[in-house]
Amino acid sequence: MSSSTTSAAYHIGELAARSGLTPDTLRYYERLGVLSPVSRTSGGFRIYSQHTLERLRFIK
């Protein structure tokens, strides 16, 4: 995997827009365990990786 693929970081709104899903759907997937829990900023915002975006595209 290239370093550019692993360094991408998205907030929930941007990930939702890129994946074609809603932020509520992403939170739901996380609660169900479809998505692994993600790291958060010191302010509590979820930070998603490029890998998560690719997983969502596969799921969809």
Protein backbone atom coordinates (compact mmCIF):
# COMPACT_ATOMS: atom_id res chain seq x y z
CA MET A 1 0.00 0.00 0.00
CA SER A 2 1.42 3.40 -0.84
CA SER A 3 2.03 6.09 1.78
CA SER A 4 -0.45 8.43 0.08
CA THR A 5 -3.21 5.88 0.64
CA THR A 6 -2.54 5.56 4.36
CA SER A 7 -2.11 9.26 5.10
CA ALA A 8 -5.56 10.45 4.00
CA ALA A 9 -7.75 11.51 6.90
CA TYR A 10 -11.41 12.43 6.67
CA HIS A 11 -13.92 13.87 9.11
CA ILE A 12 -17.31 12.18 9.10
CA GLY A 13 -18.97 14.73 6.78
CA GLU A 14 -16.26 14.44 4.16
CA LEU A 15 -16.26 10.65 4.34
CA ALA A 16 -20.04 10.64 4.00
CA ALA A 17 -19.87 12.84 0.91
CA ARG A 18 -17.12 10.75 -0.68
CA SER A 19 -18.88 7.47 0.05
CA GLY A 20 -22.41 8.59 -0.87
CA LEU A 21 -23.71 7.70 2.59
CA THR A 22 -24.97 9.88 5.42
CA PRO A 23 -23.07 10.60 8.64
CA ASP A 24 -25.86 8.80 10.53
CA THR A 25 -25.27 5.69 8.42
CA LEU A 26 -21.55 5.79 9.19
CA ARG A 27 -22.25 6.06 12.92
CA TYR A 28 -24.74 3.19 12.64
CA TYR A 29 -22.20 1.00 10.81
CA GLU A 30 -19.70 1.72 13.58
CA ARG A 31 -22.24 0.73 16.29
CA LEU A 32 -23.00 -2.51 14.44
CA GLY A 33 -19.32 -3.33 14.06
CA VAL A 34 -19.36 -3.13 10.26
CA LEU A 35 -16.73 -0.39 10.63
CA SER A 36 -14.04 -0.60 13.25
CA PRO A 37 -14.04 2.15 15.86
CA VAL A 38 -11.86 4.99 14.62
CA SER A 39 -9.47 7.35 16.31
CA ARG A 40 -10.70 10.72 17.47
CA THR A 41 -9.22 14.16 17.77
CA SER A 42 -8.77 15.77 21.17
CA GLY A 43 -12.11 17.48 20.48
CA GLY A 44 -13.85 14.13 19.96
CA PHE A 45 -14.22 14.26 16.16
CA ARG A 46 -13.90 10.94 14.34
CA ILE A 47 -10.98 10.68 11.92
CA TYR A 48 -11.41 8.11 9.14
CA SER A 49 -8.70 6.72 6.87
CA GLN A 50 -8.58 6.01 3.16
CA HIS A 51 -8.91 2.33 4.09
CA THR A 52 -12.32 3.05 5.65
CA LEU A 53 -13.47 4.81 2.49
CA GLU A 54 -12.38 1.83 0.40
CA ARG A 55 -14.19 -0.55 2.78
CA LEU A 56 -17.38 1.51 2.50
CA ARG A 57 -17.20 1.43 -1.28
CA PHE A 58 -16.85 -2.36 -1.13
CA ILE A 59 -19.79 -2.70 1.30
CA LYS A 60 -21.97 -0.45 -0.83
